Structures are given as structure tokens and as C-alpha cells.
Amino acid sequence: MSNNYPHYEKYSKYDQSKKLTFYERIGVFFQNTKRIIKIANKPDRKEYLLIFKICGIGLLVLGVLSFVIQLIWTIINQILHIG
């Protein structure tokens, strides 16, 4: 099975065969964080509205789904208590 993901090990300053100390791991974490923040960009208005719409649709779907499940359990509970 081939791995199509890029190999980021070659970008690391540390040898992967040795175990890093706690302070080295913290240093690597902050280096990676700095790199990510440097390449990240703020979404423009169009991207922000798209994300807002997707989140809104997700909340709506979850709300409807939970309402339907609660409705089904209420009906089942009433049927079992009547009979």
C-alpha cells in the first residue's frame, strides 16, 4: 500500500531515530505552529459566508434529527404505556 502523503520528516531539524526530550518536543511544536501561522491566511468575505452557511446547515440538520429522534421515542413511549 503506497502512501501518497508528503514526507515531512525531511524538513525536521531533529533526527527521527532518537527520542526527543520534553523541551525539544515543545520547541518542535512552536516551530510547527509558527510555520502554520505564517502560511495561514484570513478568509475573505465570500469564504466566511460559505463557512457560515455550512455551519448553519449543519446545526439545522442536527436540530431536525434530534427532534425526529425525540418524537419517535415519545410516540414509542406512549404506545408502550397505553398497552
C-alpha atoms as a PDB file:
ATOM      1  CA  MET A   1       0.000   0.000   0.000  1.00  0.00           C
ATOM      2  CA  SER A   2       1.599   3.257  -1.086  1.00  0.00           C
ATOM      3  CA  ASN A   3       1.439   6.380   0.991  1.00  0.00           C
ATOM      4  CA  ASN A   4       0.625   9.416  -1.144  1.00  0.00           C
ATOM      5  CA  TYR A   5       1.160  11.916   1.652  1.00  0.00           C
ATOM      6  CA  PRO A   6       4.273  14.096   1.564  1.00  0.00           C
ATOM      7  CA  HIS A   7       7.113  13.060   3.813  1.00  0.00           C
ATOM      8  CA  TYR A   8       7.602  15.884   6.284  1.00  0.00           C
ATOM      9  CA  GLU A   9      10.372  14.082   8.143  1.00  0.00           C
ATOM     10  CA  LYS A  10      12.942  15.541   5.758  1.00  0.00           C
ATOM     11  CA  TYR A  11      12.004  19.068   6.912  1.00  0.00           C
ATOM     12  CA  SER A  12      12.628  18.303  10.564  1.00  0.00           C
ATOM     13  CA  LYS A  13      15.865  19.502  12.153  1.00  0.00           C
ATOM     14  CA  TYR A  14      15.821  16.583  14.586  1.00  0.00           C
ATOM     15  CA  ASP A  15      16.842  13.004  13.958  1.00  0.00           C
ATOM     16  CA  GLN A  16      13.704  10.869  13.962  1.00  0.00           C
ATOM     17  CA  SER A  17      15.526   7.774  15.241  1.00  0.00           C
ATOM     18  CA  LYS A  18      16.309   9.302  18.647  1.00  0.00           C
ATOM     19  CA  LYS A  19      13.680  10.153  21.235  1.00  0.00           C
ATOM     20  CA  LEU A  20      13.214  13.885  21.752  1.00  0.00           C
ATOM     21  CA  THR A  21      13.275  15.416  25.206  1.00  0.00           C
ATOM     22  CA  PHE A  22      10.317  17.287  26.567  1.00  0.00           C
ATOM     23  CA  TYR A  23      11.871  20.672  25.792  1.00  0.00           C
ATOM     24  CA  GLU A  24      12.803  19.612  22.258  1.00  0.00           C
ATOM     25  CA  ARG A  25       9.216  18.498  21.634  1.00  0.00           C
ATOM     26  CA  ILE A  26       7.960  21.876  22.870  1.00  0.00           C
ATOM     27  CA  GLY A  27      10.444  23.593  20.544  1.00  0.00           C
ATOM     28  CA  VAL A  28       9.288  21.500  17.581  1.00  0.00           C
ATOM     29  CA  PHE A  29       5.674  22.271  18.446  1.00  0.00           C
ATOM     30  CA  PHE A  30       6.305  26.027  18.461  1.00  0.00           C
ATOM     31  CA  GLN A  31       8.300  25.825  15.216  1.00  0.00           C
ATOM     32  CA  ASN A  32       5.423  23.985  13.539  1.00  0.00           C
ATOM     33  CA  THR A  33       2.914  26.448  14.975  1.00  0.00           C
ATOM     34  CA  LYS A  34       4.946  29.391  13.693  1.00  0.00           C
ATOM     35  CA  ARG A  35       5.156  27.817  10.231  1.00  0.00           C
ATOM     36  CA  ILE A  36       1.401  27.200  10.113  1.00  0.00           C
ATOM     37  CA  ILE A  37       0.559  30.741  11.236  1.00  0.00           C
ATOM     38  CA  LYS A  38       2.955  32.130   8.635  1.00  0.00           C
ATOM     39  CA  ILE A  39       1.244  30.311   5.745  1.00  0.00           C
ATOM     40  CA  ALA A  40      -2.335  30.686   7.041  1.00  0.00           C
ATOM     41  CA  ASN A  41      -4.481  33.473   5.667  1.00  0.00           C
ATOM     42  CA  LYS A  42      -7.642  35.179   6.804  1.00  0.00           C
ATOM     43  CA  PRO A  43     -10.726  34.114   4.825  1.00  0.00           C
ATOM     44  CA  ASP A  44     -12.314  36.763   2.656  1.00  0.00           C
ATOM     45  CA  ARG A  45     -15.989  37.683   2.878  1.00  0.00           C
ATOM     46  CA  LYS A  46     -17.085  35.028   0.358  1.00  0.00           C
ATOM     47  CA  GLU A  47     -15.258  32.215   2.165  1.00  0.00           C
ATOM     48  CA  TYR A  48     -16.546  33.414   5.539  1.00  0.00           C
ATOM     49  CA  LEU A  49     -20.162  33.401   4.314  1.00  0.00           C
ATOM     50  CA  LEU A  50     -19.692  29.920   2.837  1.00  0.00           C
ATOM     51  CA  ILE A  51     -18.366  28.609   6.167  1.00  0.00           C
ATOM     52  CA  PHE A  52     -21.228  30.349   7.987  1.00  0.00           C
ATOM     53  CA  LYS A  53     -23.804  28.739   5.655  1.00  0.00           C
ATOM     54  CA  ILE A  54     -22.251  25.272   6.037  1.00  0.00           C
ATOM     55  CA  CYS A  55     -22.256  25.578   9.846  1.00  0.00           C
ATOM     56  CA  GLY A  56     -25.841  26.843   9.804  1.00  0.00           C
ATOM     57  CA  ILE A  57     -26.982  23.944   7.636  1.00  0.00           C
ATOM     58  CA  GLY A  58     -25.158  21.525   9.936  1.00  0.00           C
ATOM     59  CA  LEU A  59     -26.862  22.982  13.017  1.00  0.00           C
ATOM     60  CA  LEU A  60     -30.245  22.827  11.288  1.00  0.00           C
ATOM     61  CA  VAL A  61     -29.737  19.189  10.251  1.00  0.00           C
ATOM     62  CA  LEU A  62     -28.654  18.192  13.764  1.00  0.00           C
ATOM     63  CA  GLY A  63     -31.620  20.026  15.286  1.00  0.00           C
ATOM     64  CA  VAL A  64     -34.119  18.357  12.950  1.00  0.00           C
ATOM     65  CA  LEU A  65     -32.509  14.968  13.506  1.00  0.00           C
ATOM     66  CA  SER A  66     -32.649  15.311  17.286  1.00  0.00           C
ATOM     67  CA  PHE A  67     -36.278  16.491  17.100  1.00  0.00           C
ATOM     68  CA  VAL A  68     -37.261  13.483  14.966  1.00  0.00           C
ATOM     69  CA  ILE A  69     -35.491  11.060  17.319  1.00  0.00           C
ATOM     70  CA  GLN A  70     -37.193  12.641  20.338  1.00  0.00           C
ATOM     71  CA  LEU A  71     -40.575  12.495  18.553  1.00  0.00           C
ATOM     72  CA  ILE A  72     -40.122   8.806  17.703  1.00  0.00           C
ATOM     73  CA  TRP A  73     -39.125   7.937  21.291  1.00  0.00           C
ATOM     74  CA  THR A  74     -42.109   9.901  22.657  1.00  0.00           C
ATOM     75  CA  ILE A  75     -44.516   8.023  20.364  1.00  0.00           C
ATOM     76  CA  ILE A  76     -42.940   4.650  21.254  1.00  0.00           C
ATOM     77  CA  ASN A  77     -43.095   5.508  24.961  1.00  0.00           C
ATOM     78  CA  GLN A  78     -46.793   6.470  24.739  1.00  0.00           C
ATOM     79  CA  ILE A  79     -47.644   3.291  22.828  1.00  0.00           C
ATOM     80  CA  LEU A  80     -45.897   1.109  25.389  1.00  0.00           C
ATOM     81  CA  HIS A  81     -47.574   2.794  28.365  1.00  0.00           C
ATOM     82  CA  ILE A  82     -51.070   2.689  26.858  1.00  0.00           C
ATOM     83  CA  GLY A  83     -50.955  -1.040  26.009  1.00  0.00           C
END
